[in-house]
Amino acid sequence: MTLNWNGKRVLVTGAGGFIASHLVESLVQNGAAVRAFVRYNSRGDPGLLARLDPHIYNDLEIISGDLRDLPAVQQAVKGTEMVFHLGALIAIPYSYLHPAEVVECNVLGTLNVLLAARDFGCPRVIHTSTSEVYGTALYVPIDERHPLQGQSPYSASKIGADKLVESFYCSYNLPVITVRPFNTFGPRQSARAVIPTILSQALAGDVLRLGSLETRRDFTYVSDTVSGFLKAAESRGLEGETFNLGSGREVTIAELVELAGGLVGHPLRVLQETERLRPDKSEVMRLLSDNRKAREALGWQPQVSLEEGLQRTLTWMRANLDWYRVSIYQR
């Protein structure tokens, strides 16, 4: 059953981020009244929301604050009919440097969203997990029953957040669903992620500076990830459940480089830089999604192939290459 989004009061936390900005865009296009919670800064910078079409941007109610501040989160949640919680500090290399900040934002921030949703009686919360909580696969494809392994401070913080969500469902019957995206990519993604790192360097020259080439990842185009969020929000009787949102196809980083070379039309040479490598025990070597649960329960399935998604992303990046600092390692 498709939800009528027209006029529905929706909150998106972390709205200035990559996936969230695409979700906000889709919600507004579907007629929702979107309140966008973004992290405060003195520049009044709403993140990637500023890159949306003005007709969409001008329809938003933007609230600035910090997820760690409960009154700010309460103000954002109050009066909404649905919360999409995407706010988090997500960069794994950053979590090595500042684990306390990452834990405070991702765990305490999630707790505050859950408290506010419980206290205001919010009818539905969609919580965002990550495939990083699985760590290096113990078996593939990875289903939702796979053990959780905290191989970085970031992944540990998300495991903590996921378990808080589980506890609020069990303890307070909070109507929450967890979606667990695998490696999402597409337009507007920063060079913190590997695909824009590869494509931006490929557009600028023929030498790529990368970390490990052996790791295997399951990449999902951003419109498919957003579709998974919306289908989870539209579902009924699935409260307390977790759903993988992955393509079910894995590639190595070396294979991605080869695909990128074909797209830009010239061979690419890779220089492996030590600073881009994760600590040995922290590196997640293999992620491959079993998405059967989402297919069967949500009616969700990816529509955009890796190759088509790479082409769409490359086209966008050609027009926005000045947005990327190609020579700098973005943690």
C-alpha atoms as a PDB file:
ATOM      1  CA  MET A   1       0.000   0.000   0.000  1.00  0.00           C
ATOM      2  CA  THR A   2       1.445   3.364  -1.049  1.00  0.00           C
ATOM      3  CA  LEU A   3       1.340   6.084   1.581  1.00  0.00           C
ATOM      4  CA  ASN A   4      -0.235   9.412   0.688  1.00  0.00           C
ATOM      5  CA  TRP A   5       2.610  11.800   1.430  1.00  0.00           C
ATOM      6  CA  ASN A   6       0.654  14.914   0.534  1.00  0.00           C
ATOM      7  CA  GLY A   7       0.846  17.291   3.493  1.00  0.00           C
ATOM      8  CA  LYS A   8       2.378  14.666   5.805  1.00  0.00           C
ATOM      9  CA  ARG A   9       4.601  16.344   8.414  1.00  0.00           C
ATOM     10  CA  VAL A  10       7.992  14.666   8.198  1.00  0.00           C
ATOM     11  CA  LEU A  11      11.291  15.270   9.991  1.00  0.00           C
ATOM     12  CA  VAL A  12      14.610  14.279   8.432  1.00  0.00           C
ATOM     13  CA  THR A  13      17.645  14.448  10.713  1.00  0.00           C
ATOM     14  CA  GLY A  14      21.050  14.889   9.148  1.00  0.00           C
ATOM     15  CA  ALA A  15      19.183  16.474   6.256  1.00  0.00           C
ATOM     16  CA  GLY A  16      22.267  18.204   4.868  1.00  0.00           C
ATOM     17  CA  GLY A  17      24.008  14.901   4.193  1.00  0.00           C
ATOM     18  CA  PHE A  18      24.306  12.877   1.007  1.00  0.00           C
ATOM     19  CA  ILE A  19      21.542  10.267   1.296  1.00  0.00           C
ATOM     20  CA  ALA A  20      19.340  12.565   3.364  1.00  0.00           C
ATOM     21  CA  SER A  21      19.406  15.377   0.794  1.00  0.00           C
ATOM     22  CA  HIS A  22      18.156  12.949  -1.849  1.00  0.00           C
ATOM     23  CA  LEU A  23      15.501  11.669   0.552  1.00  0.00           C
ATOM     24  CA  VAL A  24      14.383  15.238   1.319  1.00  0.00           C
ATOM     25  CA  GLU A  25      14.171  15.935  -2.409  1.00  0.00           C
ATOM     26  CA  SER A  26      11.991  12.874  -2.983  1.00  0.00           C
ATOM     27  CA  LEU A  27       9.718  13.617  -0.022  1.00  0.00           C
ATOM     28  CA  VAL A  28       9.055  17.181  -1.178  1.00  0.00           C
ATOM     29  CA  GLN A  29       8.376  15.970  -4.715  1.00  0.00           C
ATOM     30  CA  ASN A  30       5.834  13.543  -3.232  1.00  0.00           C
ATOM     31  CA  GLY A  31       4.061  16.382  -1.416  1.00  0.00           C
ATOM     32  CA  ALA A  32       5.352  15.936   2.146  1.00  0.00           C
ATOM     33  CA  ALA A  33       5.832  18.908   4.458  1.00  0.00           C
ATOM     34  CA  VAL A  34       9.490  18.405   5.349  1.00  0.00           C
ATOM     35  CA  ARG A  35      11.275  19.733   8.414  1.00  0.00           C
ATOM     36  CA  ALA A  36      15.024  19.420   7.861  1.00  0.00           C
ATOM     37  CA  PHE A  37      17.260  19.172  10.928  1.00  0.00           C
ATOM     38  CA  VAL A  38      20.845  20.191  10.165  1.00  0.00           C
ATOM     39  CA  ARG A  39      23.845  20.645  12.395  1.00  0.00           C
ATOM     40  CA  TYR A  40      24.298  24.285  13.370  1.00  0.00           C
ATOM     41  CA  ASN A  41      27.250  26.276  12.089  1.00  0.00           C
ATOM     42  CA  SER A  42      27.890  30.008  12.181  1.00  0.00           C
ATOM     43  CA  ARG A  43      27.703  30.271   8.390  1.00  0.00           C
ATOM     44  CA  GLY A  44      24.103  29.110   8.322  1.00  0.00           C
ATOM     45  CA  ASP A  45      25.244  26.428   5.863  1.00  0.00           C
ATOM     46  CA  PRO A  46      22.531  23.773   5.320  1.00  0.00           C
ATOM     47  CA  GLY A  47      24.953  21.358   3.691  1.00  0.00           C
ATOM     48  CA  LEU A  48      23.845  19.635   0.508  1.00  0.00           C
ATOM     49  CA  LEU A  49      20.341  21.050   0.842  1.00  0.00           C
ATOM     50  CA  ALA A  50      21.779  24.229  -0.652  1.00  0.00           C
ATOM     51  CA  ARG A  51      22.366  22.319  -3.892  1.00  0.00           C
ATOM     52  CA  LEU A  52      18.703  21.375  -4.303  1.00  0.00           C
ATOM     53  CA  ASP A  53      16.423  23.030  -6.824  1.00  0.00           C
ATOM     54  CA  PRO A  54      15.229  26.341  -5.301  1.00  0.00           C
ATOM     55  CA  HIS A  55      11.605  25.255  -5.669  1.00  0.00           C
ATOM     56  CA  ILE A  56      12.355  22.312  -3.382  1.00  0.00           C
ATOM     57  CA  TYR A  57      14.677  24.174  -1.026  1.00  0.00           C
ATOM     58  CA  ASN A  58      12.181  26.982  -0.479  1.00  0.00           C
ATOM     59  CA  ASP A  59       9.531  24.463   0.600  1.00  0.00           C
ATOM     60  CA  LEU A  60      11.670  23.222   3.496  1.00  0.00           C
ATOM     61  CA  GLU A  61      11.443  24.152   7.139  1.00  0.00           C
ATOM     62  CA  ILE A  62      15.083  24.105   8.214  1.00  0.00           C
ATOM     63  CA  ILE A  63      15.991  23.786  11.881  1.00  0.00           C
ATOM     64  CA  SER A  64      19.614  24.031  13.012  1.00  0.00           C
ATOM     65  CA  GLY A  65      20.902  22.326  16.118  1.00  0.00           C
ATOM     66  CA  ASP A  66      22.903  19.405  17.448  1.00  0.00           C
ATOM     67  CA  LEU A  67      21.583  15.875  17.939  1.00  0.00           C
ATOM     68  CA  ARG A  68      23.352  15.756  21.295  1.00  0.00           C
ATOM     69  CA  ASP A  69      21.096  18.556  22.580  1.00  0.00           C
ATOM     70  CA  LEU A  70      17.803  16.982  23.694  1.00  0.00           C
ATOM     71  CA  PRO A  71      15.751  20.236  23.727  1.00  0.00           C
ATOM     72  CA  ALA A  72      16.836  20.949  20.141  1.00  0.00           C
ATOM     73  CA  VAL A  73      15.806  17.459  19.065  1.00  0.00           C
ATOM     74  CA  GLN A  74      12.499  17.766  20.903  1.00  0.00           C
ATOM     75  CA  GLN A  75      11.766  21.002  19.071  1.00  0.00           C
ATOM     76  CA  ALA A  76      12.476  19.275  15.778  1.00  0.00           C
ATOM     77  CA  VAL A  77      10.359  16.171  16.494  1.00  0.00           C
ATOM     78  CA  LYS A  78       7.349  17.912  18.027  1.00  0.00           C
ATOM     79  CA  GLY A  79       4.334  17.949  15.728  1.00  0.00           C
ATOM     80  CA  THR A  80       5.731  15.541  13.138  1.00  0.00           C
ATOM     81  CA  GLU A  81       4.020  12.378  11.917  1.00  0.00           C
ATOM     82  CA  MET A  82       7.166  10.583  10.854  1.00  0.00           C
ATOM     83  CA  VAL A  83      10.894  10.818  11.616  1.00  0.00           C
ATOM     84  CA  PHE A  84      13.638   9.694   9.259  1.00  0.00           C
ATOM     85  CA  HIS A  85      16.754   9.566  11.417  1.00  0.00           C
ATOM     86  CA  LEU A  86      19.838   9.841   9.222  1.00  0.00           C
ATOM     87  CA  GLY A  87      21.903  12.229  11.345  1.00  0.00           C
ATOM     88  CA  ALA A  88      25.331  10.810  12.220  1.00  0.00           C
ATOM     89  CA  LEU A  89      29.062  11.357  11.980  1.00  0.00           C
ATOM     90  CA  ILE A  90      29.896   8.794   9.325  1.00  0.00           C
ATOM     91  CA  ALA A  91      33.547   8.947   8.277  1.00  0.00           C
ATOM     92  CA  ILE A  92      35.502   5.916   9.494  1.00  0.00           C
ATOM     93  CA  PRO A  93      38.944   7.607   9.335  1.00  0.00           C
ATOM     94  CA  TYR A  94      37.510  10.509  11.357  1.00  0.00           C
ATOM     95  CA  SER A  95      36.274   8.038  13.966  1.00  0.00           C
ATOM     96  CA  TYR A  96      39.856   6.844  14.484  1.00  0.00           C
ATOM     97  CA  LEU A  97      40.861  10.412  15.324  1.00  0.00           C
ATOM     98  CA  HIS A  98      37.805  11.488  17.345  1.00  0.00           C
ATOM     99  CA  PRO A  99      36.010   8.411  18.718  1.00  0.00           C
ATOM    100  CA  ALA A 100      34.394  10.277  21.627  1.00  0.00           C
ATOM    101  CA  GLU A 101      32.705  12.815  19.337  1.00  0.00           C
ATOM    102  CA  VAL A 102      31.496  10.053  17.016  1.00  0.00           C
ATOM    103  CA  VAL A 103      30.014   8.044  19.888  1.00  0.00           C
ATOM    104  CA  GLU A 104      28.355  11.096  21.420  1.00  0.00           C
ATOM    105  CA  CYS A 105      26.754  12.111  18.128  1.00  0.00           C
ATOM    106  CA  ASN A 106      25.710   8.671  16.939  1.00  0.00           C
ATOM    107  CA  VAL A 107      24.676   7.049  20.216  1.00  0.00           C
ATOM    108  CA  LEU A 108      23.500   9.970  22.347  1.00  0.00           C
ATOM    109  CA  GLY A 109      22.005  11.664  19.288  1.00  0.00           C
ATOM    110  CA  THR A 110      19.995   8.556  18.469  1.00  0.00           C
ATOM    111  CA  LEU A 111      18.891   8.261  22.092  1.00  0.00           C
ATOM    112  CA  ASN A 112      17.591  11.836  21.982  1.00  0.00           C
ATOM    113  CA  VAL A 113      15.635  11.158  18.775  1.00  0.00           C
ATOM    114  CA  LEU A 114      14.099   8.062  20.359  1.00  0.00           C
ATOM    115  CA  LEU A 115      13.218   9.890  23.576  1.00  0.00           C
ATOM    116  CA  ALA A 116      11.562  12.734  21.686  1.00  0.00           C
ATOM    117  CA  ALA A 117       9.666  10.342  19.396  1.00  0.00           C
ATOM    118  CA  ARG A 118       8.448   8.347  22.400  1.00  0.00           C
ATOM    119  CA  ASP A 119       7.438  11.377  24.445  1.00  0.00           C
ATOM    120  CA  PHE A 120       5.599  13.082  21.568  1.00  0.00           C
ATOM    121  CA  GLY A 121       3.954   9.863  20.384  1.00  0.00           C
ATOM    122  CA  CYS A 122       5.458   9.964  16.888  1.00  0.00           C
ATOM    123  CA  PRO A 123       3.629   7.349  14.771  1.00  0.00           C
ATOM    124  CA  ARG A 124       6.711   6.117  12.883  1.00  0.00           C
ATOM    125  CA  VAL A 125      10.515   6.351  13.094  1.00  0.00           C
ATOM    126  CA  ILE A 126      12.809   5.122  10.326  1.00  0.00           C
ATOM    127  CA  HIS A 127      16.305   4.636  11.734  1.00  0.00           C
ATOM    128  CA  THR A 128      19.411   4.459   9.551  1.00  0.00           C
ATOM    129  CA  SER A 129      21.988   1.774  10.224  1.00  0.00           C
ATOM    130  CA  THR A 130      24.959   0.833   8.035  1.00  0.00           C
ATOM    131  CA  SER A 131      26.456  -2.319   6.575  1.00  0.00           C
ATOM    132  CA  GLU A 132      29.631  -1.456   8.499  1.00  0.00           C
ATOM    133  CA  VAL A 133      27.991  -2.938  11.618  1.00  0.00           C
ATOM    134  CA  TYR A 134      28.551  -6.407  10.117  1.00  0.00           C
ATOM    135  CA  GLY A 135      32.312  -6.019   9.874  1.00  0.00           C
ATOM    136  CA  THR A 136      34.167  -8.396   7.572  1.00  0.00           C
ATOM    137  CA  ALA A 137      31.628 -10.956   6.436  1.00  0.00           C
ATOM    138  CA  LEU A 138      31.626 -14.251   8.342  1.00  0.00           C
ATOM    139  CA  TYR A 139      29.398 -15.621   5.591  1.00  0.00           C
ATOM    140  CA  VAL A 140      27.949 -14.238   2.369  1.00  0.00           C
ATOM    141  CA  PRO A 141      25.564 -13.007   1.321  1.00  0.00           C
ATOM    142  CA  ILE A 142      25.032 -11.168   4.612  1.00  0.00           C
ATOM    143  CA  ASP A 143      21.500 -11.365   5.966  1.00  0.00           C
ATOM    144  CA  GLU A 144      20.068  -9.408   8.882  1.00  0.00           C
ATOM    145  CA  ARG A 145      20.933 -12.223  11.324  1.00  0.00           C
ATOM    146  CA  HIS A 146      24.673 -11.876  10.681  1.00  0.00           C
ATOM    147  CA  PRO A 147      26.631 -11.066  13.885  1.00  0.00           C
ATOM    148  CA  LEU A 148      27.469  -7.409  14.487  1.00  0.00           C
ATOM    149  CA  GLN A 149      31.183  -6.619  14.732  1.00  0.00           C
ATOM    150  CA  GLY A 150      32.570  -3.256  15.810  1.00  0.00           C
ATOM    151  CA  GLN A 151      35.735  -3.043  13.714  1.00  0.00           C
ATOM    152  CA  SER A 152      35.958   0.769  13.938  1.00  0.00           C
ATOM    153  CA  PRO A 153      34.718   3.341  16.456  1.00  0.00           C
ATOM    154  CA  TYR A 154      32.186   4.397  13.822  1.00  0.00           C
ATOM    155  CA  SER A 155      30.761   0.909  13.356  1.00  0.00           C
ATOM    156  CA  ALA A 156      30.703   0.386  17.128  1.00  0.00           C
ATOM    157  CA  SER A 157      28.759   3.632  17.554  1.00  0.00           C
ATOM    158  CA  LYS A 158      26.216   2.521  14.973  1.00  0.00           C
ATOM    159  CA  ILE A 159      25.853  -0.864  16.654  1.00  0.00           C
ATOM    160  CA  GLY A 160      25.120   1.012  19.877  1.00  0.00           C
ATOM    161  CA  ALA A 161      22.563   3.178  18.105  1.00  0.00           C
ATOM    162  CA  ASP A 162      20.910   0.151  16.475  1.00  0.00           C
ATOM    163  CA  LYS A 163      20.629  -1.602  19.826  1.00  0.00           C
ATOM    164  CA  LEU A 164      19.086   1.481  21.430  1.00  0.00           C
ATOM    165  CA  VAL A 165      16.474   1.468  18.670  1.00  0.00           C
ATOM    166  CA  GLU A 166      15.812  -2.214  19.331  1.00  0.00           C
ATOM    167  CA  SER A 167      15.464  -1.528  23.054  1.00  0.00           C
ATOM    168  CA  PHE A 168      12.943   1.282  22.527  1.00  0.00           C
ATOM    169  CA  TYR A 169      10.827  -0.986  20.377  1.00  0.00           C
ATOM    170  CA  CYS A 170      10.957  -3.768  22.970  1.00  0.00           C
ATOM    171  CA  SER A 171      10.607  -1.559  26.049  1.00  0.00           C
ATOM    172  CA  TYR A 172       8.232   1.187  24.891  1.00  0.00           C
ATOM    173  CA  ASN A 173       6.676  -0.312  21.750  1.00  0.00           C
ATOM    174  CA  LEU A 174       8.083   2.613  19.768  1.00  0.00           C
ATOM    175  CA  PRO A 175       7.032   2.088  16.113  1.00  0.00           C
ATOM    176  CA  VAL A 176      10.490   2.028  14.541  1.00  0.00           C
ATOM    177  CA  ILE A 177      11.986   0.299  11.511  1.00  0.00           C
ATOM    178  CA  THR A 178      15.733   0.094  10.854  1.00  0.00           C
ATOM    179  CA  VAL A 179      17.073   0.247   7.319  1.00  0.00           C
ATOM    180  CA  ARG A 180      20.664  -0.844   6.751  1.00  0.00           C
ATOM    181  CA  PRO A 181      22.102   0.622   3.534  1.00  0.00           C
ATOM    182  CA  PHE A 182      25.181  -0.949   2.032  1.00  0.00           C
ATOM    183  CA  ASN A 183      27.580   1.356   0.162  1.00  0.00           C
ATOM    184  CA  THR A 184      25.348   4.028  -1.355  1.00  0.00           C
ATOM    185  CA  PHE A 185      26.739   6.231  -4.145  1.00  0.00           C
ATOM    186  CA  GLY A 186      25.555   8.876  -6.577  1.00  0.00           C
ATOM    187  CA  PRO A 187      25.521  12.621  -7.328  1.00  0.00           C
ATOM    188  CA  ARG A 188      26.448  14.998  -4.504  1.00  0.00           C
ATOM    189  CA  GLN A 189      28.475  12.426  -2.567  1.00  0.00           C
ATOM    190  CA  SER A 190      31.721  13.785  -1.143  1.00  0.00           C
ATOM    191  CA  ALA A 191      35.177  12.365  -1.805  1.00  0.00           C
ATOM    192  CA  ARG A 192      35.054  10.851   1.674  1.00  0.00           C
ATOM    193  CA  ALA A 193      33.583   7.846  -0.176  1.00  0.00           C
ATOM    194  CA  VAL A 194      35.515   5.666  -2.602  1.00  0.00           C
ATOM    195  CA  ILE A 195      33.466   6.069  -5.807  1.00  0.00           C
ATOM    196  CA  PRO A 196      33.652   9.892  -5.939  1.00  0.00           C
ATOM    197  CA  THR A 197      37.312   9.605  -4.912  1.00  0.00           C
ATOM    198  CA  ILE A 198      38.010   7.373  -7.909  1.00  0.00           C
ATOM    199  CA  LEU A 199      35.873   9.315 -10.401  1.00  0.00           C
ATOM    200  CA  SER A 200      37.102  12.777  -9.400  1.00  0.00           C
ATOM    201  CA  GLN A 201      40.740  11.692  -9.730  1.00  0.00           C
ATOM    202  CA  ALA A 202      39.999   9.897 -13.016  1.00  0.00           C
ATOM    203  CA  LEU A 203      38.470  13.081 -14.424  1.00  0.00           C
ATOM    204  CA  ALA A 204      41.475  15.122 -13.330  1.00  0.00           C
ATOM    205  CA  GLY A 205      44.227  12.803 -14.588  1.00  0.00           C
ATOM    206  CA  ASP A 206      45.398   9.237 -15.006  1.00  0.00           C
ATOM    207  CA  VAL A 207      46.875   8.577 -11.539  1.00  0.00           C
ATOM    208  CA  LEU A 208      44.646   7.519  -8.653  1.00  0.00           C
ATOM    209  CA  ARG A 209      45.737   7.698  -5.021  1.00  0.00           C
ATOM    210  CA  LEU A 210      43.845   5.036  -3.099  1.00  0.00           C
ATOM    211  CA  GLY A 211      44.017   2.666  -0.157  1.00  0.00           C
ATOM    212  CA  SER A 212      43.236  -1.037  -0.333  1.00  0.00           C
ATOM    213  CA  LEU A 213      42.256  -2.421  -3.731  1.00  0.00           C
ATOM    214  CA  GLU A 214      41.273  -5.879  -2.460  1.00  0.00           C
ATOM    215  CA  THR A 215      38.260  -4.972  -0.372  1.00  0.00           C
ATOM    216  CA  ARG A 216      34.882  -6.026  -1.748  1.00  0.00           C
ATOM    217  CA  ARG A 217      31.804  -3.853  -1.485  1.00  0.00           C
ATOM    218  CA  ASP A 218      28.123  -3.944  -2.451  1.00  0.00           C
ATOM    219  CA  PHE A 219      27.277  -0.597  -4.069  1.00  0.00           C
ATOM    220  CA  THR A 220      23.720   0.733  -4.313  1.00  0.00           C
ATOM    221  CA  TYR A 221      22.700   3.804  -6.305  1.00  0.00           C
ATOM    222  CA  VAL A 222      21.227   6.537  -4.147  1.00  0.00           C
ATOM    223  CA  SER A 223      17.755   6.569  -5.748  1.00  0.00           C
ATOM    224  CA  ASP A 224      17.402   2.883  -4.862  1.00  0.00           C
ATOM    225  CA  THR A 225      18.452   3.533  -1.272  1.00  0.00           C
ATOM    226  CA  VAL A 226      15.906   6.359  -1.017  1.00  0.00           C
ATOM    227  CA  SER A 227      13.244   4.043  -2.417  1.00  0.00           C
ATOM    228  CA  GLY A 228      14.040   1.614   0.396  1.00  0.00           C
ATOM    229  CA  PHE A 229      13.534   4.335   3.000  1.00  0.00           C
ATOM    230  CA  LEU A 230      10.183   5.267   1.521  1.00  0.00           C
ATOM    231  CA  LYS A 231       8.976   1.673   1.262  1.00  0.00           C
ATOM    232  CA  ALA A 232       9.943   1.076   4.886  1.00  0.00           C
ATOM    233  CA  ALA A 233       7.981   4.181   5.882  1.00  0.00           C
ATOM    234  CA  GLU A 234       4.952   3.021   3.906  1.00  0.00           C
ATOM    235  CA  SER A 235       4.934  -0.502   5.364  1.00  0.00           C
ATOM    236  CA  ARG A 236       2.628  -1.693   8.113  1.00  0.00           C
ATOM    237  CA  GLY A 237       3.085  -4.444  10.671  1.00  0.00           C
ATOM    238  CA  LEU A 238       6.878  -4.512  10.351  1.00  0.00           C
ATOM    239  CA  GLU A 239       7.761  -2.417  13.390  1.00  0.00           C
ATOM    240  CA  GLY A 240      10.921  -3.565  15.137  1.00  0.00           C
ATOM    241  CA  GLU A 241      12.351  -5.109  11.959  1.00  0.00           C
ATOM    242  CA  THR A 242      15.660  -4.427  10.205  1.00  0.00           C
ATOM    243  CA  PHE A 243      16.140  -4.480   6.434  1.00  0.00           C
ATOM    244  CA  ASN A 244      19.303  -4.651   4.336  1.00  0.00           C
ATOM    245  CA  LEU A 245      19.328  -2.244   1.401  1.00  0.00           C
ATOM    246  CA  GLY A 246      22.020  -3.601  -0.868  1.00  0.00           C
ATOM    247  CA  SER A 247      22.260  -4.602  -4.499  1.00  0.00           C
ATOM    248  CA  GLY A 248      23.365  -8.208  -3.925  1.00  0.00           C
ATOM    249  CA  ARG A 249      26.422  -7.708  -6.156  1.00  0.00           C
ATOM    250  CA  GLU A 250      29.998  -7.235  -4.955  1.00  0.00           C
ATOM    251  CA  VAL A 251      33.032  -5.733  -6.677  1.00  0.00           C
ATOM    252  CA  THR A 252      36.585  -5.090  -5.573  1.00  0.00           C
ATOM    253  CA  ILE A 253      38.004  -1.584  -5.534  1.00  0.00           C
ATOM    254  CA  ALA A 254      40.394  -2.717  -8.277  1.00  0.00           C
ATOM    255  CA  GLU A 255      37.392  -3.655 -10.427  1.00  0.00           C
ATOM    256  CA  LEU A 256      35.859  -0.242  -9.758  1.00  0.00           C
ATOM    257  CA  VAL A 257      39.049   1.383 -11.032  1.00  0.00           C
ATOM    258  CA  GLU A 258      38.798  -0.652 -14.221  1.00  0.00           C
ATOM    259  CA  LEU A 259      35.169   0.373 -14.702  1.00  0.00           C
ATOM    260  CA  ALA A 260      36.071   4.026 -14.119  1.00  0.00           C
ATOM    261  CA  GLY A 261      38.843   3.850 -16.700  1.00  0.00           C
ATOM    262  CA  GLY A 262      36.369   2.569 -19.252  1.00  0.00           C
ATOM    263  CA  LEU A 263      33.965   5.401 -18.493  1.00  0.00           C
ATOM    264  CA  VAL A 264      36.528   8.208 -18.742  1.00  0.00           C
ATOM    265  CA  GLY A 265      38.172   6.636 -21.773  1.00  0.00           C
ATOM    266  CA  HIS A 266      41.770   6.357 -20.610  1.00  0.00           C
ATOM    267  CA  PRO A 267      43.796   3.871 -18.523  1.00  0.00           C
ATOM    268  CA  LEU A 268      44.260   4.592 -14.829  1.00  0.00           C
ATOM    269  CA  ARG A 269      47.335   3.956 -12.716  1.00  0.00           C
ATOM    270  CA  VAL A 270      46.982   3.461  -8.962  1.00  0.00           C
ATOM    271  CA  LEU A 271      49.376   4.642  -6.265  1.00  0.00           C
ATOM    272  CA  GLN A 272      48.559   3.070  -2.922  1.00  0.00           C
ATOM    273  CA  GLU A 273      48.975   5.547  -0.066  1.00  0.00           C
ATOM    274  CA  THR A 274      49.588   4.318   3.465  1.00  0.00           C
ATOM    275  CA  GLU A 275      47.486   7.046   5.050  1.00  0.00           C
ATOM    276  CA  ARG A 276      44.432   5.781   3.149  1.00  0.00           C
ATOM    277  CA  LEU A 277      44.744   2.268   4.584  1.00  0.00           C
ATOM    278  CA  ARG A 278      42.720   1.247   7.628  1.00  0.00           C
ATOM    279  CA  PRO A 279      44.421  -0.610  10.482  1.00  0.00           C
ATOM    280  CA  ASP A 280      44.616  -4.317   9.591  1.00  0.00           C
ATOM    281  CA  LYS A 281      42.079  -5.542  12.146  1.00  0.00           C
ATOM    282  CA  SER A 282      39.754  -2.629  11.393  1.00  0.00           C
ATOM    283  CA  GLU A 283      39.551  -3.058   7.629  1.00  0.00           C
ATOM    284  CA  VAL A 284      36.290  -4.608   6.495  1.00  0.00           C
ATOM    285  CA  MET A 285      37.328  -6.908   3.670  1.00  0.00           C
ATOM    286  CA  ARG A 286      33.987  -8.058   2.296  1.00  0.00           C
ATOM    287  CA  LEU A 287      30.397  -6.819   2.309  1.00  0.00           C
ATOM    288  CA  LEU A 288      27.731  -8.478   0.164  1.00  0.00           C
ATOM    289  CA  SER A 289      24.058  -7.984   0.909  1.00  0.00           C
ATOM    290  CA  ASP A 290      21.342 -10.566   1.121  1.00  0.00           C
ATOM    291  CA  ASN A 291      18.370  -8.320   0.310  1.00  0.00           C
ATOM    292  CA  ARG A 292      15.682 -11.008   0.182  1.00  0.00           C
ATOM    293  CA  LYS A 293      13.949  -9.742   3.312  1.00  0.00           C
ATOM    294  CA  ALA A 294      13.496  -6.245   1.846  1.00  0.00           C
ATOM    295  CA  ARG A 295      12.381  -7.701  -1.472  1.00  0.00           C
ATOM    296  CA  GLU A 296       9.771  -9.958   0.114  1.00  0.00           C
ATOM    297  CA  ALA A 297       8.473  -7.762   2.961  1.00  0.00           C
ATOM    298  CA  LEU A 298       8.856  -4.266   1.480  1.00  0.00           C
ATOM    299  CA  GLY A 299       8.544  -5.029  -2.221  1.00  0.00           C
ATOM    300  CA  TRP A 300      11.866  -3.245  -2.715  1.00  0.00           C
ATOM    301  CA  GLN A 301      14.506  -4.051  -5.267  1.00  0.00           C
ATOM    302  CA  PRO A 302      17.323  -2.074  -6.870  1.00  0.00           C
ATOM    303  CA  GLN A 303      16.525  -0.566 -10.253  1.00  0.00           C
ATOM    304  CA  VAL A 304      19.859   1.027 -11.230  1.00  0.00           C
ATOM    305  CA  SER A 305      22.834  -1.166 -12.119  1.00  0.00           C
ATOM    306  CA  LEU A 306      26.340  -0.352 -10.921  1.00  0.00           C
ATOM    307  CA  GLU A 307      27.388   0.585 -14.443  1.00  0.00           C
ATOM    308  CA  GLU A 308      24.399   2.887 -15.005  1.00  0.00           C
ATOM    309  CA  GLY A 309      24.843   4.449 -11.569  1.00  0.00           C
ATOM    310  CA  LEU A 310      28.528   5.103 -12.242  1.00  0.00           C
ATOM    311  CA  GLN A 311      27.656   6.779 -15.550  1.00  0.00           C
ATOM    312  CA  ARG A 312      25.046   8.999 -13.902  1.00  0.00           C
ATOM    313  CA  THR A 313      27.467   9.912 -11.127  1.00  0.00           C
ATOM    314  CA  LEU A 314      30.266  10.651 -13.592  1.00  0.00           C
ATOM    315  CA  THR A 315      27.992  12.898 -15.654  1.00  0.00           C
ATOM    316  CA  TRP A 316      27.113  14.898 -12.545  1.00  0.00           C
ATOM    317  CA  MET A 317      30.732  15.086 -11.424  1.00  0.00           C
ATOM    318  CA  ARG A 318      31.930  16.366 -14.799  1.00  0.00           C
ATOM    319  CA  ALA A 319      29.674  19.373 -14.296  1.00  0.00           C
ATOM    320  CA  ASN A 320      30.705  19.817 -10.663  1.00  0.00           C
ATOM    321  CA  LEU A 321      34.384  18.852 -10.581  1.00  0.00           C
ATOM    322  CA  ASP A 322      35.318  22.174  -8.967  1.00  0.00           C
ATOM    323  CA  TRP A 323      33.446  20.925  -5.898  1.00  0.00           C
ATOM    324  CA  TYR A 324      36.171  18.301  -5.319  1.00  0.00           C
ATOM    325  CA  ARG A 325      39.683  18.854  -3.965  1.00  0.00           C
ATOM    326  CA  VAL A 326      41.224  16.108  -6.035  1.00  0.00           C
ATOM    327  CA  SER A 327      44.742  16.227  -4.580  1.00  0.00           C
ATOM    328  CA  ILE A 328      43.616  16.115  -0.923  1.00  0.00           C
ATOM    329  CA  TYR A 329      42.754  13.002   1.070  1.00  0.00           C
ATOM    330  CA  GLN A 330      39.321  13.729   2.533  1.00  0.00           C
ATOM    331  CA  ARG A 331      38.840  11.757   5.724  1.00  0.00           C
END
